[in-house]
Amino acid sequence: METARLGRSSYRLCYYSTSIVVVLAPWRSLLTHALYRNRSLPSARYLQLATLGLDGLPRNRTVVFRGFREETNQLQMVTDSRSEKYQQILQQPWGEICWYFPKTREQFRLRGQLLIVSVDNTDSNLSTARSLAWQQLSDAARIQFAWPEPQQALTEDKDAFKPLYINKEIPLDNFCLLLLDAVEVDHLELRGDPQNRYIYTLDESFNWSCQQVNP
């Protein structure tokens, strides 16, 4: 299969720095287009995120896509620092997303490093992104971060799930922005016979390449 070189990127962050100029990845526009074409389906913003547990065994859960971090290739999600996912990612920051779009019948799998932006993050750009993510949450989503601690015995006091006040501007301390920096993207289009499948890879020189492969 022919491999097409898709331009040189100045993506020098090693998944953490923010003081760079980023060349947008070639798969980003395809994912954005899929989101647009599936915009009538609320479920199209839900994706599966797989990580490794503290015991080394796989974990998987459904999370909500919160948009791309501005002018980057980083996918934004949110999480709670009290959750098991938080500790799992701190120990092993690699993860993979699987995302299916029913209307256009295409699947994206994105593998890369995860970065948790917590209350004690010292990067001003990332802290701003965290605050913005909090402000963009719905009231129903925001209030969940004030609920009793996850995965503990059920709290019998129902009022504990109805906090009186949540600041819409300042995130709660346990609120975290979760970023995925992809290094490999597998795009499968189920329409067609045979189906179309493309693998996008970021190499050590921070170049994106694309190869069409057998489905």
C-alpha atoms as a PDB file:
ATOM      1  CA  MET A   1       0.000   0.000   0.000  1.00  0.00           C
ATOM      2  CA  GLU A   2       1.192   3.484  -0.802  1.00  0.00           C
ATOM      3  CA  THR A   3       1.943   5.726   2.147  1.00  0.00           C
ATOM      4  CA  ALA A   4       1.152   9.410   1.675  1.00  0.00           C
ATOM      5  CA  ARG A   5       3.185  11.977   3.587  1.00  0.00           C
ATOM      6  CA  LEU A   6       0.803  14.625   4.886  1.00  0.00           C
ATOM      7  CA  GLY A   7       3.041  17.492   5.777  1.00  0.00           C
ATOM      8  CA  ARG A   8       5.492  18.335   8.496  1.00  0.00           C
ATOM      9  CA  SER A   9       4.075  19.264  11.889  1.00  0.00           C
ATOM     10  CA  SER A  10       5.627  21.518  14.519  1.00  0.00           C
ATOM     11  CA  TYR A  11       3.826  19.460  17.153  1.00  0.00           C
ATOM     12  CA  ARG A  12       6.576  19.494  19.774  1.00  0.00           C
ATOM     13  CA  LEU A  13       4.613  19.256  22.999  1.00  0.00           C
ATOM     14  CA  CYS A  14       5.419  15.671  24.021  1.00  0.00           C
ATOM     15  CA  TYR A  15       1.705  15.752  24.919  1.00  0.00           C
ATOM     16  CA  TYR A  16       2.078  18.308  27.693  1.00  0.00           C
ATOM     17  CA  SER A  17       3.608  21.636  26.652  1.00  0.00           C
ATOM     18  CA  THR A  18       1.317  24.384  25.362  1.00  0.00           C
ATOM     19  CA  SER A  19       3.719  27.078  24.152  1.00  0.00           C
ATOM     20  CA  ILE A  20       3.830  25.807  20.562  1.00  0.00           C
ATOM     21  CA  VAL A  21       2.238  26.280  17.182  1.00  0.00           C
ATOM     22  CA  VAL A  22       0.261  23.184  16.192  1.00  0.00           C
ATOM     23  CA  VAL A  23      -0.396  21.976  12.673  1.00  0.00           C
ATOM     24  CA  LEU A  24      -3.824  20.367  12.722  1.00  0.00           C
ATOM     25  CA  ALA A  25      -3.773  16.647  11.983  1.00  0.00           C
ATOM     26  CA  PRO A  26      -5.304  15.441   8.689  1.00  0.00           C
ATOM     27  CA  TRP A  27      -7.826  13.215  10.498  1.00  0.00           C
ATOM     28  CA  ARG A  28      -9.178  16.099  12.578  1.00  0.00           C
ATOM     29  CA  SER A  29     -11.295  17.545   9.767  1.00  0.00           C
ATOM     30  CA  LEU A  30     -12.682  14.074   8.983  1.00  0.00           C
ATOM     31  CA  LEU A  31     -13.746  13.614  12.597  1.00  0.00           C
ATOM     32  CA  THR A  32     -15.234  17.102  12.690  1.00  0.00           C
ATOM     33  CA  HIS A  33     -17.168  16.359   9.502  1.00  0.00           C
ATOM     34  CA  ALA A  34     -18.492  13.101  10.967  1.00  0.00           C
ATOM     35  CA  LEU A  35     -19.680  14.981  14.043  1.00  0.00           C
ATOM     36  CA  TYR A  36     -21.424  17.532  11.850  1.00  0.00           C
ATOM     37  CA  ARG A  37     -23.168  14.942   9.695  1.00  0.00           C
ATOM     38  CA  ASN A  38     -24.328  13.058  12.806  1.00  0.00           C
ATOM     39  CA  ARG A  39     -25.307  16.188  14.734  1.00  0.00           C
ATOM     40  CA  SER A  40     -28.998  15.161  14.811  1.00  0.00           C
ATOM     41  CA  LEU A  41     -28.058  12.149  16.974  1.00  0.00           C
ATOM     42  CA  PRO A  42     -27.312  13.103  20.612  1.00  0.00           C
ATOM     43  CA  SER A  43     -25.523   9.765  21.028  1.00  0.00           C
ATOM     44  CA  ALA A  44     -22.939  10.792  18.424  1.00  0.00           C
ATOM     45  CA  ARG A  45     -21.101  12.766  21.118  1.00  0.00           C
ATOM     46  CA  TYR A  46     -20.673   9.671  23.285  1.00  0.00           C
ATOM     47  CA  LEU A  47     -17.535   7.589  22.862  1.00  0.00           C
ATOM     48  CA  GLN A  48     -15.845   4.677  24.603  1.00  0.00           C
ATOM     49  CA  LEU A  49     -12.560   5.281  26.408  1.00  0.00           C
ATOM     50  CA  ALA A  50     -10.409   2.264  27.279  1.00  0.00           C
ATOM     51  CA  THR A  51      -7.590   2.433  29.827  1.00  0.00           C
ATOM     52  CA  LEU A  52      -5.713   0.047  32.114  1.00  0.00           C
ATOM     53  CA  GLY A  53      -6.699  -0.447  35.743  1.00  0.00           C
ATOM     54  CA  LEU A  54      -4.271  -0.405  38.651  1.00  0.00           C
ATOM     55  CA  ASP A  55      -4.237  -4.210  38.394  1.00  0.00           C
ATOM     56  CA  GLY A  56      -3.136  -4.064  34.753  1.00  0.00           C
ATOM     57  CA  LEU A  57      -6.495  -5.302  33.464  1.00  0.00           C
ATOM     58  CA  PRO A  58      -8.540  -3.353  30.890  1.00  0.00           C
ATOM     59  CA  ARG A  59     -11.204  -0.851  31.839  1.00  0.00           C
ATOM     60  CA  ASN A  60     -13.745   0.747  29.509  1.00  0.00           C
ATOM     61  CA  ARG A  61     -16.440   3.372  29.919  1.00  0.00           C
ATOM     62  CA  THR A  62     -18.578   5.788  27.933  1.00  0.00           C
ATOM     63  CA  VAL A  63     -17.662   9.471  28.127  1.00  0.00           C
ATOM     64  CA  VAL A  64     -18.868  12.652  26.445  1.00  0.00           C
ATOM     65  CA  PHE A  65     -16.796  14.470  23.835  1.00  0.00           C
ATOM     66  CA  ARG A  66     -16.393  18.103  24.913  1.00  0.00           C
ATOM     67  CA  GLY A  67     -14.828  19.423  21.732  1.00  0.00           C
ATOM     68  CA  PHE A  68     -11.261  19.924  20.575  1.00  0.00           C
ATOM     69  CA  ARG A  69      -9.012  22.077  22.673  1.00  0.00           C
ATOM     70  CA  GLU A  70      -8.694  25.309  20.726  1.00  0.00           C
ATOM     71  CA  GLU A  71      -6.145  25.213  17.899  1.00  0.00           C
ATOM     72  CA  THR A  72      -4.872  21.755  18.858  1.00  0.00           C
ATOM     73  CA  ASN A  73      -5.526  18.106  18.023  1.00  0.00           C
ATOM     74  CA  GLN A  74      -6.392  17.327  21.647  1.00  0.00           C
ATOM     75  CA  LEU A  75      -9.812  15.816  22.342  1.00  0.00           C
ATOM     76  CA  GLN A  76     -11.466  17.142  25.495  1.00  0.00           C
ATOM     77  CA  MET A  77     -13.413  15.130  28.057  1.00  0.00           C
ATOM     78  CA  VAL A  78     -13.995  15.672  31.769  1.00  0.00           C
ATOM     79  CA  THR A  79     -13.573  13.503  34.845  1.00  0.00           C
ATOM     80  CA  ASP A  80     -13.721  13.527  38.638  1.00  0.00           C
ATOM     81  CA  SER A  81     -10.516  13.284  40.681  1.00  0.00           C
ATOM     82  CA  ARG A  82     -12.386  10.995  43.082  1.00  0.00           C
ATOM     83  CA  SER A  83     -13.064   8.425  40.358  1.00  0.00           C
ATOM     84  CA  GLU A  84     -11.117   5.226  39.732  1.00  0.00           C
ATOM     85  CA  LYS A  85     -10.390   6.462  36.219  1.00  0.00           C
ATOM     86  CA  TYR A  86      -8.361   9.338  37.651  1.00  0.00           C
ATOM     87  CA  GLN A  87      -5.925   7.062  39.507  1.00  0.00           C
ATOM     88  CA  GLN A  88      -5.736   4.645  36.587  1.00  0.00           C
ATOM     89  CA  ILE A  89      -4.696   7.365  34.160  1.00  0.00           C
ATOM     90  CA  LEU A  90      -2.125   8.800  36.556  1.00  0.00           C
ATOM     91  CA  GLN A  91      -0.474   5.378  36.720  1.00  0.00           C
ATOM     92  CA  GLN A  92      -0.808   4.521  33.012  1.00  0.00           C
ATOM     93  CA  PRO A  93      -1.585   7.535  30.805  1.00  0.00           C
ATOM     94  CA  TRP A  94      -2.098   5.626  27.559  1.00  0.00           C
ATOM     95  CA  GLY A  95      -5.636   5.032  26.348  1.00  0.00           C
ATOM     96  CA  GLU A  96      -7.752   4.386  23.287  1.00  0.00           C
ATOM     97  CA  ILE A  97     -11.052   5.819  22.125  1.00  0.00           C
ATOM     98  CA  CYS A  98     -13.557   3.934  19.998  1.00  0.00           C
ATOM     99  CA  TRP A  99     -16.206   6.119  18.409  1.00  0.00           C
ATOM    100  CA  TYR A 100     -18.976   4.978  16.064  1.00  0.00           C
ATOM    101  CA  PHE A 101     -21.175   7.287  14.001  1.00  0.00           C
ATOM    102  CA  PRO A 102     -24.419   5.508  13.025  1.00  0.00           C
ATOM    103  CA  LYS A 103     -25.693   7.934  10.404  1.00  0.00           C
ATOM    104  CA  THR A 104     -22.543   7.907   8.277  1.00  0.00           C
ATOM    105  CA  ARG A 105     -21.561   4.363   9.281  1.00  0.00           C
ATOM    106  CA  GLU A 106     -17.968   5.133  10.172  1.00  0.00           C
ATOM    107  CA  GLN A 107     -15.751   4.352  13.129  1.00  0.00           C
ATOM    108  CA  PHE A 108     -12.759   6.209  14.572  1.00  0.00           C
ATOM    109  CA  ARG A 109     -10.283   4.597  16.948  1.00  0.00           C
ATOM    110  CA  LEU A 110      -7.790   7.026  18.470  1.00  0.00           C
ATOM    111  CA  ARG A 111      -4.844   5.816  20.515  1.00  0.00           C
ATOM    112  CA  GLY A 112      -2.653   8.184  22.481  1.00  0.00           C
ATOM    113  CA  GLN A 113      -1.612   9.726  25.761  1.00  0.00           C
ATOM    114  CA  LEU A 114      -4.085  11.084  28.273  1.00  0.00           C
ATOM    115  CA  LEU A 115      -3.432  14.203  30.309  1.00  0.00           C
ATOM    116  CA  ILE A 116      -5.420  15.137  33.401  1.00  0.00           C
ATOM    117  CA  VAL A 117      -5.714  18.874  34.052  1.00  0.00           C
ATOM    118  CA  SER A 118      -6.560  19.142  37.747  1.00  0.00           C
ATOM    119  CA  VAL A 119      -7.010  22.023  40.168  1.00  0.00           C
ATOM    120  CA  ASP A 120      -3.282  22.092  40.984  1.00  0.00           C
ATOM    121  CA  ASN A 121      -2.125  22.334  37.355  1.00  0.00           C
ATOM    122  CA  THR A 122       0.410  25.151  36.984  1.00  0.00           C
ATOM    123  CA  ASP A 123       0.089  25.712  33.226  1.00  0.00           C
ATOM    124  CA  SER A 124      -2.019  28.846  32.762  1.00  0.00           C
ATOM    125  CA  ASN A 125      -3.299  27.814  29.320  1.00  0.00           C
ATOM    126  CA  LEU A 126      -4.423  24.422  30.571  1.00  0.00           C
ATOM    127  CA  SER A 127      -5.974  25.938  33.688  1.00  0.00           C
ATOM    128  CA  THR A 128      -7.944  28.313  31.484  1.00  0.00           C
ATOM    129  CA  ALA A 129      -9.104  25.391  29.336  1.00  0.00           C
ATOM    130  CA  ARG A 130     -10.233  23.583  32.500  1.00  0.00           C
ATOM    131  CA  SER A 131     -12.257  26.580  33.659  1.00  0.00           C
ATOM    132  CA  LEU A 132     -13.836  26.990  30.233  1.00  0.00           C
ATOM    133  CA  ALA A 133     -14.818  23.314  30.150  1.00  0.00           C
ATOM    134  CA  TRP A 134     -16.531  23.742  33.532  1.00  0.00           C
ATOM    135  CA  GLN A 135     -18.428  26.813  32.387  1.00  0.00           C
ATOM    136  CA  GLN A 136     -19.657  25.024  29.271  1.00  0.00           C
ATOM    137  CA  LEU A 137     -21.163  22.101  31.195  1.00  0.00           C
ATOM    138  CA  SER A 138     -24.905  21.864  31.604  1.00  0.00           C
ATOM    139  CA  ASP A 139     -26.250  22.433  35.111  1.00  0.00           C
ATOM    140  CA  ALA A 140     -27.143  18.736  35.317  1.00  0.00           C
ATOM    141  CA  ALA A 141     -23.588  17.685  34.463  1.00  0.00           C
ATOM    142  CA  ARG A 142     -21.991  20.291  36.726  1.00  0.00           C
ATOM    143  CA  ILE A 143     -23.983  19.281  39.796  1.00  0.00           C
ATOM    144  CA  GLN A 144     -22.716  15.684  39.630  1.00  0.00           C
ATOM    145  CA  PHE A 145     -19.291  16.853  40.756  1.00  0.00           C
ATOM    146  CA  ALA A 146     -20.882  17.890  44.074  1.00  0.00           C
ATOM    147  CA  TRP A 147     -22.485  14.497  44.649  1.00  0.00           C
ATOM    148  CA  PRO A 148     -21.162  12.105  47.337  1.00  0.00           C
ATOM    149  CA  GLU A 149     -17.963  10.212  46.526  1.00  0.00           C
ATOM    150  CA  PRO A 150     -18.323   7.815  43.580  1.00  0.00           C
ATOM    151  CA  GLN A 151     -18.432   4.039  44.106  1.00  0.00           C
ATOM    152  CA  GLN A 152     -18.952   4.245  47.857  1.00  0.00           C
ATOM    153  CA  ALA A 153     -21.933   2.683  49.606  1.00  0.00           C
ATOM    154  CA  LEU A 154     -25.113   4.428  48.498  1.00  0.00           C
ATOM    155  CA  THR A 155     -25.768   7.597  50.485  1.00  0.00           C
ATOM    156  CA  GLU A 156     -29.244   7.330  51.988  1.00  0.00           C
ATOM    157  CA  ASP A 157     -29.638  11.081  52.408  1.00  0.00           C
ATOM    158  CA  LYS A 158     -31.148  12.098  49.063  1.00  0.00           C
ATOM    159  CA  ASP A 159     -30.487  15.757  49.819  1.00  0.00           C
ATOM    160  CA  ALA A 160     -26.775  15.002  49.435  1.00  0.00           C
ATOM    161  CA  PHE A 161     -27.455  14.752  45.699  1.00  0.00           C
ATOM    162  CA  LYS A 162     -29.118  18.171  45.645  1.00  0.00           C
ATOM    163  CA  PRO A 163     -26.464  20.744  46.572  1.00  0.00           C
ATOM    164  CA  LEU A 164     -27.879  24.177  47.259  1.00  0.00           C
ATOM    165  CA  TYR A 165     -25.343  26.136  45.212  1.00  0.00           C
ATOM    166  CA  ILE A 166     -22.776  25.423  42.511  1.00  0.00           C
ATOM    167  CA  ASN A 167     -20.551  28.215  41.207  1.00  0.00           C
ATOM    168  CA  LYS A 168     -20.887  28.196  37.414  1.00  0.00           C
ATOM    169  CA  GLU A 169     -17.665  30.140  36.868  1.00  0.00           C
ATOM    170  CA  ILE A 170     -15.173  28.500  39.239  1.00  0.00           C
ATOM    171  CA  PRO A 171     -14.720  24.716  38.967  1.00  0.00           C
ATOM    172  CA  LEU A 172     -14.999  22.507  42.020  1.00  0.00           C
ATOM    173  CA  ASP A 173     -11.614  21.202  43.132  1.00  0.00           C
ATOM    174  CA  ASN A 174     -12.409  17.632  42.077  1.00  0.00           C
ATOM    175  CA  PHE A 175     -13.331  18.668  38.527  1.00  0.00           C
ATOM    176  CA  CYS A 176     -10.686  17.736  35.936  1.00  0.00           C
ATOM    177  CA  LEU A 177     -10.299  18.334  32.241  1.00  0.00           C
ATOM    178  CA  LEU A 178      -9.149  15.186  30.445  1.00  0.00           C
ATOM    179  CA  LEU A 179      -7.219  15.492  27.167  1.00  0.00           C
ATOM    180  CA  LEU A 180      -6.311  12.814  24.643  1.00  0.00           C
ATOM    181  CA  ASP A 181      -3.312  13.418  22.388  1.00  0.00           C
ATOM    182  CA  ALA A 182      -3.601  10.873  19.577  1.00  0.00           C
ATOM    183  CA  VAL A 183      -0.558   9.252  17.989  1.00  0.00           C
ATOM    184  CA  GLU A 184      -2.521   6.779  15.854  1.00  0.00           C
ATOM    185  CA  VAL A 185      -5.986   7.045  14.323  1.00  0.00           C
ATOM    186  CA  ASP A 186      -7.843   4.194  12.610  1.00  0.00           C
ATOM    187  CA  HIS A 187     -10.703   5.432  10.409  1.00  0.00           C
ATOM    188  CA  LEU A 188     -13.115   2.821   9.023  1.00  0.00           C
ATOM    189  CA  GLU A 189     -15.888   3.658   6.559  1.00  0.00           C
ATOM    190  CA  LEU A 190     -18.429   0.834   6.538  1.00  0.00           C
ATOM    191  CA  ARG A 191     -20.112   2.069   3.395  1.00  0.00           C
ATOM    192  CA  GLY A 192     -18.700   0.613   0.231  1.00  0.00           C
ATOM    193  CA  ASP A 193     -17.703  -2.828  -0.969  1.00  0.00           C
ATOM    194  CA  PRO A 194     -15.022  -3.344   0.097  1.00  0.00           C
ATOM    195  CA  GLN A 195     -15.075  -0.966   3.043  1.00  0.00           C
ATOM    196  CA  ASN A 196     -12.511   1.840   3.255  1.00  0.00           C
ATOM    197  CA  ARG A 197      -9.984   1.879   6.085  1.00  0.00           C
ATOM    198  CA  TYR A 198      -7.198   4.394   6.723  1.00  0.00           C
ATOM    199  CA  ILE A 199      -4.480   4.419   9.381  1.00  0.00           C
ATOM    200  CA  TYR A 200      -3.001   7.793  10.401  1.00  0.00           C
ATOM    201  CA  THR A 201       0.274   7.636  12.319  1.00  0.00           C
ATOM    202  CA  LEU A 202       2.369  10.292  14.056  1.00  0.00           C
ATOM    203  CA  ASP A 203       6.064   9.445  13.786  1.00  0.00           C
ATOM    204  CA  GLU A 204       8.996  10.425  16.008  1.00  0.00           C
ATOM    205  CA  SER A 205       9.623  13.509  13.880  1.00  0.00           C
ATOM    206  CA  PHE A 206       6.011  14.589  14.488  1.00  0.00           C
ATOM    207  CA  ASN A 207       4.906  13.982  10.907  1.00  0.00           C
ATOM    208  CA  TRP A 208       1.473  12.548  10.201  1.00  0.00           C
ATOM    209  CA  SER A 209       1.268   9.859   7.524  1.00  0.00           C
ATOM    210  CA  CYS A 210      -1.763   8.050   6.125  1.00  0.00           C
ATOM    211  CA  GLN A 211      -1.946   4.544   4.707  1.00  0.00           C
ATOM    212  CA  GLN A 212      -5.010   2.897   3.223  1.00  0.00           C
ATOM    213  CA  VAL A 213      -5.222  -0.723   4.392  1.00  0.00           C
ATOM    214  CA  ASN A 214      -7.459  -3.721   3.925  1.00  0.00           C
ATOM    215  CA  PRO A 215     -10.596  -3.417   6.061  1.00  0.00           C
END
